N, C-alpha and C. Protein backbone atom coordinates (compact mmCIF):
# COMPACT_ATOMS: atom_id res chain seq x y z
N MET A 1 134.37 -16.92 117.13
CA MET A 1 133.64 -15.76 116.70
C MET A 1 133.29 -15.89 115.22
N THR A 2 132.12 -15.48 114.87
CA THR A 2 131.67 -15.49 113.49
C THR A 2 131.60 -14.06 112.99
N SER A 3 132.06 -13.82 111.76
CA SER A 3 131.94 -12.49 111.18
C SER A 3 131.20 -12.60 109.86
N ILE A 4 130.35 -11.61 109.61
CA ILE A 4 129.54 -11.59 108.39
C ILE A 4 129.87 -10.31 107.64
N GLY A 5 130.35 -10.49 106.40
CA GLY A 5 130.77 -9.35 105.59
C GLY A 5 129.62 -8.49 105.10
N GLU A 6 129.96 -7.29 104.73
CA GLU A 6 128.98 -6.33 104.23
C GLU A 6 128.30 -6.86 102.97
N GLY A 7 126.99 -6.71 102.92
CA GLY A 7 126.23 -7.12 101.74
C GLY A 7 125.93 -8.60 101.67
N ALA A 8 126.34 -9.37 102.67
CA ALA A 8 126.05 -10.81 102.66
C ALA A 8 124.57 -11.03 102.91
N PHE A 9 124.02 -12.06 102.29
CA PHE A 9 122.61 -12.41 102.48
C PHE A 9 122.55 -13.79 103.11
N ILE A 10 121.90 -13.87 104.26
CA ILE A 10 121.75 -15.13 104.98
C ILE A 10 120.28 -15.54 104.88
N GLY A 11 120.00 -16.67 104.20
CA GLY A 11 118.63 -17.13 104.03
C GLY A 11 117.99 -17.53 105.35
N SER A 12 116.67 -17.57 105.36
CA SER A 12 115.94 -17.90 106.58
C SER A 12 116.24 -19.32 107.06
N ASN A 13 116.10 -19.52 108.35
CA ASN A 13 116.30 -20.82 109.01
C ASN A 13 117.71 -21.38 108.76
N THR A 14 118.69 -20.49 108.73
CA THR A 14 120.08 -20.89 108.52
C THR A 14 120.80 -20.94 109.86
N ALA A 15 121.63 -21.96 110.05
CA ALA A 15 122.47 -22.07 111.25
C ALA A 15 123.92 -21.91 110.82
N ILE A 16 124.63 -21.01 111.49
CA ILE A 16 126.06 -20.81 111.24
C ILE A 16 126.79 -21.29 112.48
N VAL A 17 127.63 -22.32 112.30
CA VAL A 17 128.35 -22.92 113.42
C VAL A 17 129.69 -22.19 113.57
N ALA A 18 129.85 -21.50 114.69
CA ALA A 18 131.08 -20.72 114.93
C ALA A 18 132.26 -21.64 115.20
N PRO A 19 133.47 -21.22 114.86
CA PRO A 19 133.79 -19.95 114.21
C PRO A 19 133.68 -20.07 112.70
N CYS A 20 133.16 -19.05 112.08
CA CYS A 20 132.97 -19.05 110.63
C CYS A 20 133.06 -17.61 110.13
N THR A 21 133.56 -17.45 108.93
CA THR A 21 133.60 -16.14 108.30
C THR A 21 132.76 -16.19 107.03
N ILE A 22 131.80 -15.29 106.96
CA ILE A 22 130.95 -15.16 105.77
C ILE A 22 131.44 -13.91 105.06
N GLY A 23 131.91 -14.07 103.82
CA GLY A 23 132.52 -12.96 103.09
C GLY A 23 131.54 -11.92 102.60
N ARG A 24 132.12 -10.83 102.08
CA ARG A 24 131.31 -9.75 101.49
C ARG A 24 130.49 -10.30 100.33
N ASP A 25 129.24 -9.86 100.25
CA ASP A 25 128.32 -10.21 99.16
C ASP A 25 128.15 -11.72 98.99
N ALA A 26 128.42 -12.50 100.02
CA ALA A 26 128.17 -13.95 99.96
C ALA A 26 126.67 -14.19 100.10
N LEU A 27 126.22 -15.32 99.62
CA LEU A 27 124.81 -15.69 99.71
C LEU A 27 124.72 -17.07 100.34
N ILE A 28 123.90 -17.20 101.38
CA ILE A 28 123.71 -18.48 102.07
C ILE A 28 122.28 -18.94 101.81
N GLY A 29 122.13 -20.14 101.26
CA GLY A 29 120.81 -20.68 100.95
C GLY A 29 119.99 -20.95 102.20
N ALA A 30 118.69 -20.71 102.11
CA ALA A 30 117.80 -20.93 103.24
C ALA A 30 117.87 -22.36 103.75
N GLY A 31 117.80 -22.51 105.06
CA GLY A 31 117.77 -23.84 105.67
C GLY A 31 119.12 -24.52 105.74
N SER A 32 120.19 -23.83 105.40
CA SER A 32 121.52 -24.42 105.41
C SER A 32 122.13 -24.41 106.80
N THR A 33 123.02 -25.35 107.05
CA THR A 33 123.86 -25.34 108.24
C THR A 33 125.29 -25.15 107.74
N ILE A 34 125.86 -23.99 108.03
CA ILE A 34 127.17 -23.61 107.50
C ILE A 34 128.24 -23.89 108.56
N THR A 35 129.23 -24.71 108.19
CA THR A 35 130.29 -25.10 109.12
C THR A 35 131.68 -24.69 108.65
N LYS A 36 131.77 -24.11 107.44
CA LYS A 36 133.05 -23.69 106.88
C LYS A 36 132.93 -22.25 106.40
N ASP A 37 134.07 -21.58 106.27
CA ASP A 37 134.09 -20.21 105.77
C ASP A 37 133.51 -20.14 104.36
N VAL A 38 132.84 -19.02 104.07
CA VAL A 38 132.30 -18.76 102.73
C VAL A 38 133.03 -17.52 102.19
N PRO A 39 133.82 -17.68 101.12
CA PRO A 39 134.59 -16.55 100.57
C PRO A 39 133.70 -15.44 99.99
N ASP A 40 134.28 -14.28 99.81
CA ASP A 40 133.58 -13.13 99.21
C ASP A 40 132.89 -13.54 97.92
N GLY A 41 131.62 -13.12 97.78
CA GLY A 41 130.89 -13.29 96.54
C GLY A 41 130.45 -14.70 96.19
N GLU A 42 130.69 -15.67 97.07
CA GLU A 42 130.30 -17.05 96.75
C GLU A 42 128.95 -17.40 97.37
N THR A 43 128.33 -18.46 96.85
CA THR A 43 127.06 -18.97 97.35
C THR A 43 127.33 -20.28 98.08
N ALA A 44 126.71 -20.44 99.23
CA ALA A 44 126.87 -21.68 100.00
C ALA A 44 125.50 -22.27 100.29
N ILE A 45 125.38 -23.58 100.06
CA ILE A 45 124.17 -24.30 100.44
C ILE A 45 124.61 -25.59 101.14
N ALA A 46 123.83 -26.03 102.07
CA ALA A 46 124.13 -27.28 102.77
C ALA A 46 122.80 -27.99 103.02
N ARG A 47 122.71 -29.16 102.47
CA ARG A 47 121.49 -29.95 102.62
C ARG A 47 121.86 -31.36 103.05
N GLY A 48 121.15 -31.89 104.01
CA GLY A 48 121.37 -33.26 104.43
C GLY A 48 120.49 -34.20 103.63
N LYS A 49 120.92 -35.43 103.49
CA LYS A 49 120.14 -36.43 102.79
C LYS A 49 118.93 -36.81 103.65
N GLN A 50 117.76 -36.87 103.03
CA GLN A 50 116.55 -37.24 103.77
C GLN A 50 116.58 -38.73 104.08
N THR A 51 116.23 -39.05 105.31
CA THR A 51 116.11 -40.44 105.74
C THR A 51 114.74 -40.62 106.35
N ASN A 52 114.00 -41.61 105.89
CA ASN A 52 112.69 -41.92 106.46
C ASN A 52 112.83 -43.18 107.32
N LEU A 53 112.35 -43.09 108.54
CA LEU A 53 112.42 -44.21 109.47
C LEU A 53 111.02 -44.71 109.77
N ARG A 54 110.86 -46.02 109.77
CA ARG A 54 109.56 -46.61 110.09
C ARG A 54 109.30 -46.44 111.58
N ARG A 55 108.15 -45.93 111.92
CA ARG A 55 107.78 -45.76 113.34
C ARG A 55 107.03 -46.96 113.83
N ARG A 56 107.27 -47.30 115.06
CA ARG A 56 106.48 -48.33 115.73
C ARG A 56 105.65 -47.66 116.79
N LEU A 57 104.35 -47.69 116.60
CA LEU A 57 103.44 -47.05 117.54
C LEU A 57 103.08 -48.02 118.67
N LYS A 58 103.09 -47.51 119.89
CA LYS A 58 102.71 -48.33 121.04
C LYS A 58 101.20 -48.41 121.11
N LYS A 59 100.69 -49.61 121.39
CA LYS A 59 99.25 -49.76 121.59
C LYS A 59 98.92 -49.42 123.03
N SER A 60 97.84 -48.69 123.21
CA SER A 60 97.43 -48.24 124.55
C SER A 60 96.78 -49.35 125.34
């Protein structure tokens, strides 16, 4: 179960992986994937490293 404290702000396109507790007045950065508890009044951001892969296109 995930609980979100009063006054917490969850940015758009955020994924919260249960179980997780988001504290009172916590702030979650947009686009983050949150996998750990966020204490009261803290800010959490989670960003993955960008990887570019060369594509091989099939010829028709």
